[in-house]
Amino acid sequence: MKIITAQYGKLILAAIMGAAVFGMCMAFLLTDDGSQSLRAIATEMADDIQNYEMQKNRAAFRQFTDVKKPTIRFCYEKGGFCALHTGERIKIADCIYAADSRGNELHGQILTVTDQNGNSCEDAWEEETQTLFFTLPGVYTVTVSAKDSLGKECVASIEIPVEEVRRYA
């Protein structure tokens, strides 16, 4: 036995090692039923995970992009008239409505106020009290911005009619 082991020991060890390596390769390459390699299964699983992550990211992106910008509109009506009156001080929230795509009310911010000739009317807007006050009749353009919780912003120019108060004697 010593003579056989001495002469053929390296060959026997190489054969055993070769059979083990071959067995591991076959196990890696073929499943139990021989239909698909484990490598292919592992690759497919990794692809599925990557596709799931991509779909999740797409869904989040689609959810963000499907959300419409906020809306801003003039919404003042008093006594059946849709106009402000000269000398009337009115809160911004009472005449300009801003809302996100779900209808949640937003705080609109006045950017500019101009008269019908395009002249700036800075004195018509009081930031501290959040009020508008017009001394002359006409149509004024108020530029307002509103931003929702997702950071989507809308800037709108709204025409606001202002009528002179009629006093009857």
Protein backbone atom coordinates (compact mmCIF):
# COMPACT_ATOMS: atom_id res chain seq x y z
CA MET A 1 0.00 0.00 0.00
CA LYS A 2 2.91 2.30 0.80
CA ILE A 3 4.41 1.66 -2.61
CA ILE A 4 1.08 2.36 -4.41
CA THR A 5 0.52 5.53 -2.35
CA ALA A 6 4.07 6.70 -3.01
CA GLN A 7 3.83 6.06 -6.76
CA TYR A 8 0.22 7.09 -7.41
CA GLY A 9 -0.58 9.32 -4.38
CA LYS A 10 -0.29 12.58 -6.29
CA LEU A 11 -2.42 11.20 -9.11
CA ILE A 12 -5.11 9.95 -6.70
CA LEU A 13 -5.14 13.30 -4.86
CA ALA A 14 -5.37 15.17 -8.18
CA ALA A 15 -8.26 12.92 -9.26
CA ILE A 16 -10.12 13.52 -5.99
CA MET A 17 -9.55 17.28 -6.26
CA GLY A 18 -10.63 17.26 -9.91
CA ALA A 19 -13.82 15.35 -9.07
CA ALA A 20 -14.60 17.82 -6.27
CA VAL A 21 -14.02 20.84 -8.51
CA PHE A 22 -16.09 19.22 -11.29
CA GLY A 23 -18.89 18.49 -8.80
CA MET A 24 -18.91 22.06 -7.54
CA CYS A 25 -18.94 23.41 -11.08
CA MET A 26 -21.84 21.19 -12.01
CA ALA A 27 -23.75 22.20 -8.88
CA PHE A 28 -23.13 25.83 -9.78
CA LEU A 29 -24.12 25.34 -13.39
CA LEU A 30 -27.15 23.07 -13.09
CA THR A 31 -30.12 22.84 -10.72
CA ASP A 32 -31.42 19.59 -9.26
CA ASP A 33 -33.52 18.85 -12.32
CA GLY A 34 -30.76 20.00 -14.70
CA SER A 35 -33.00 22.64 -16.25
CA GLN A 36 -31.38 25.92 -15.23
CA SER A 37 -28.07 26.94 -13.76
CA LEU A 38 -27.84 28.31 -10.27
CA ARG A 39 -25.88 31.18 -11.72
CA ALA A 40 -28.79 31.98 -14.02
CA ILE A 41 -31.21 31.80 -11.09
CA ALA A 42 -29.01 34.08 -8.99
CA THR A 43 -28.68 36.52 -11.90
CA GLU A 44 -32.44 36.46 -12.44
CA MET A 45 -33.06 37.14 -8.74
CA ALA A 46 -30.62 40.06 -8.81
CA ASP A 47 -32.38 41.40 -11.92
CA ASP A 48 -35.76 41.04 -10.18
CA ILE A 49 -34.48 43.01 -7.19
CA GLN A 50 -33.04 45.69 -9.46
CA ASN A 51 -36.28 45.85 -11.48
CA TYR A 52 -38.30 46.15 -8.27
CA GLU A 53 -36.11 49.06 -7.13
CA MET A 54 -36.43 50.71 -10.54
CA GLN A 55 -40.21 50.28 -10.48
CA LYS A 56 -40.33 51.73 -6.98
CA ASN A 57 -38.27 54.72 -8.12
CA ARG A 58 -40.44 55.14 -11.21
CA ALA A 59 -43.57 55.03 -9.07
CA ALA A 60 -42.19 57.70 -6.75
CA PHE A 61 -41.14 59.83 -9.73
CA ARG A 62 -44.53 59.35 -11.40
CA GLN A 63 -46.29 60.24 -8.15
CA PHE A 64 -44.28 63.47 -7.97
CA THR A 65 -44.69 64.39 -11.64
CA ASP A 66 -48.40 63.54 -11.69
CA VAL A 67 -49.04 66.10 -8.96
CA LYS A 68 -50.21 69.30 -10.58
CA LYS A 69 -48.93 72.71 -9.65
CA PRO A 70 -50.87 74.76 -7.13
CA THR A 71 -53.68 76.95 -8.43
CA ILE A 72 -54.25 80.61 -7.71
CA ARG A 73 -57.42 82.57 -8.43
CA PHE A 74 -59.31 85.73 -7.56
CA CYS A 75 -62.23 84.79 -5.31
CA TYR A 76 -63.86 87.91 -3.97
CA GLU A 77 -67.56 88.45 -4.10
CA LYS A 78 -69.41 90.88 -1.89
CA GLY A 79 -73.05 91.76 -2.38
CA GLY A 80 -73.14 90.08 -5.77
CA PHE A 81 -70.23 92.12 -7.13
CA CYS A 82 -66.86 90.61 -7.95
CA ALA A 83 -64.88 93.81 -7.51
CA LEU A 84 -63.08 95.57 -4.72
CA HIS A 85 -63.99 99.13 -3.86
CA THR A 86 -61.72 102.13 -3.54
CA GLY A 87 -60.81 102.82 0.06
CA GLU A 88 -61.65 99.24 1.07
CA ARG A 89 -58.90 97.41 2.94
CA ILE A 90 -59.10 93.68 2.25
CA LYS A 91 -57.04 90.76 3.47
CA ILE A 92 -55.22 88.82 0.75
CA ALA A 93 -56.71 85.54 1.98
CA ASP A 94 -60.22 87.02 1.43
CA CYS A 95 -59.71 87.76 -2.26
CA ILE A 96 -56.94 85.50 -3.54
CA TYR A 97 -57.23 81.76 -3.14
CA ALA A 98 -54.27 79.40 -3.55
CA ALA A 99 -54.50 75.62 -3.21
CA ASP A 100 -52.39 72.56 -3.92
CA SER A 101 -53.55 69.77 -6.25
CA ARG A 102 -55.41 68.08 -3.38
CA GLY A 103 -57.37 71.23 -2.53
CA ASN A 104 -55.40 72.14 0.60
CA GLU A 105 -55.27 75.89 1.01
CA LEU A 106 -51.83 77.47 0.60
CA HIS A 107 -50.40 80.80 1.63
CA GLY A 108 -50.04 82.97 -1.46
CA GLN A 109 -47.29 85.58 -1.56
CA ILE A 110 -47.75 88.86 -3.42
CA LEU A 111 -44.83 89.57 -5.73
CA THR A 112 -46.00 92.73 -7.51
CA VAL A 113 -49.03 94.98 -7.89
CA THR A 114 -49.38 97.09 -11.04
CA ASP A 115 -52.11 99.35 -12.45
CA GLN A 116 -53.67 99.00 -15.89
CA ASN A 117 -50.81 101.02 -17.41
CA GLY A 118 -48.18 98.69 -15.94
CA ASN A 119 -47.04 101.15 -13.26
CA SER A 120 -45.97 99.67 -9.96
CA CYS A 121 -48.44 100.17 -7.10
CA GLU A 122 -46.31 99.25 -4.12
CA ASP A 123 -48.48 101.38 -1.83
CA ALA A 124 -51.52 99.17 -2.58
CA TRP A 125 -49.96 96.19 -0.79
CA GLU A 126 -49.26 96.17 2.93
CA GLU A 127 -47.10 93.17 3.77
CA GLU A 128 -47.35 93.55 7.55
CA THR A 129 -51.14 93.37 7.60
CA GLN A 130 -51.39 91.16 4.48
CA THR A 131 -53.92 93.58 2.97
CA LEU A 132 -54.61 95.28 -0.32
CA PHE A 133 -55.84 98.88 -0.40
CA PHE A 134 -56.63 100.76 -3.61
CA THR A 135 -57.32 104.49 -3.71
CA LEU A 136 -58.24 104.75 -7.40
CA PRO A 137 -60.65 102.70 -9.52
CA GLY A 138 -59.31 100.53 -12.33
CA VAL A 139 -58.04 97.06 -13.07
CA TYR A 140 -54.94 96.10 -11.12
CA THR A 141 -52.69 93.15 -11.84
CA VAL A 142 -51.49 91.31 -8.77
CA THR A 143 -48.75 88.75 -9.31
CA VAL A 144 -48.90 86.00 -6.69
CA SER A 145 -46.81 82.90 -6.04
CA ALA A 146 -47.75 79.80 -4.06
CA LYS A 147 -45.64 76.73 -3.28
CA ASP A 148 -46.94 73.35 -2.08
CA SER A 149 -45.31 70.87 0.30
CA LEU A 150 -43.59 69.10 -2.62
CA GLY A 151 -41.95 72.34 -3.73
CA LYS A 152 -44.14 72.74 -6.81
CA GLU A 153 -44.70 76.42 -7.41
CA CYS A 154 -47.25 78.44 -9.31
CA VAL A 155 -46.92 82.10 -10.22
CA ALA A 156 -50.07 83.75 -11.48
CA SER A 157 -50.99 87.26 -12.54
CA ILE A 158 -54.52 88.03 -11.45
CA GLU A 159 -56.55 90.99 -12.64
CA ILE A 160 -58.49 92.59 -9.82
CA PRO A 161 -61.21 95.09 -10.69
CA VAL A 162 -61.56 98.03 -8.32
CA GLU A 163 -64.67 100.19 -8.51
CA GLU A 164 -65.19 103.59 -7.01
CA VAL A 165 -67.54 103.59 -4.08
CA ARG A 166 -70.78 105.27 -5.11
CA ARG A 167 -72.21 107.49 -2.47
CA TYR A 168 -75.85 108.42 -2.73
CA ALA A 169 -77.04 111.67 -1.34
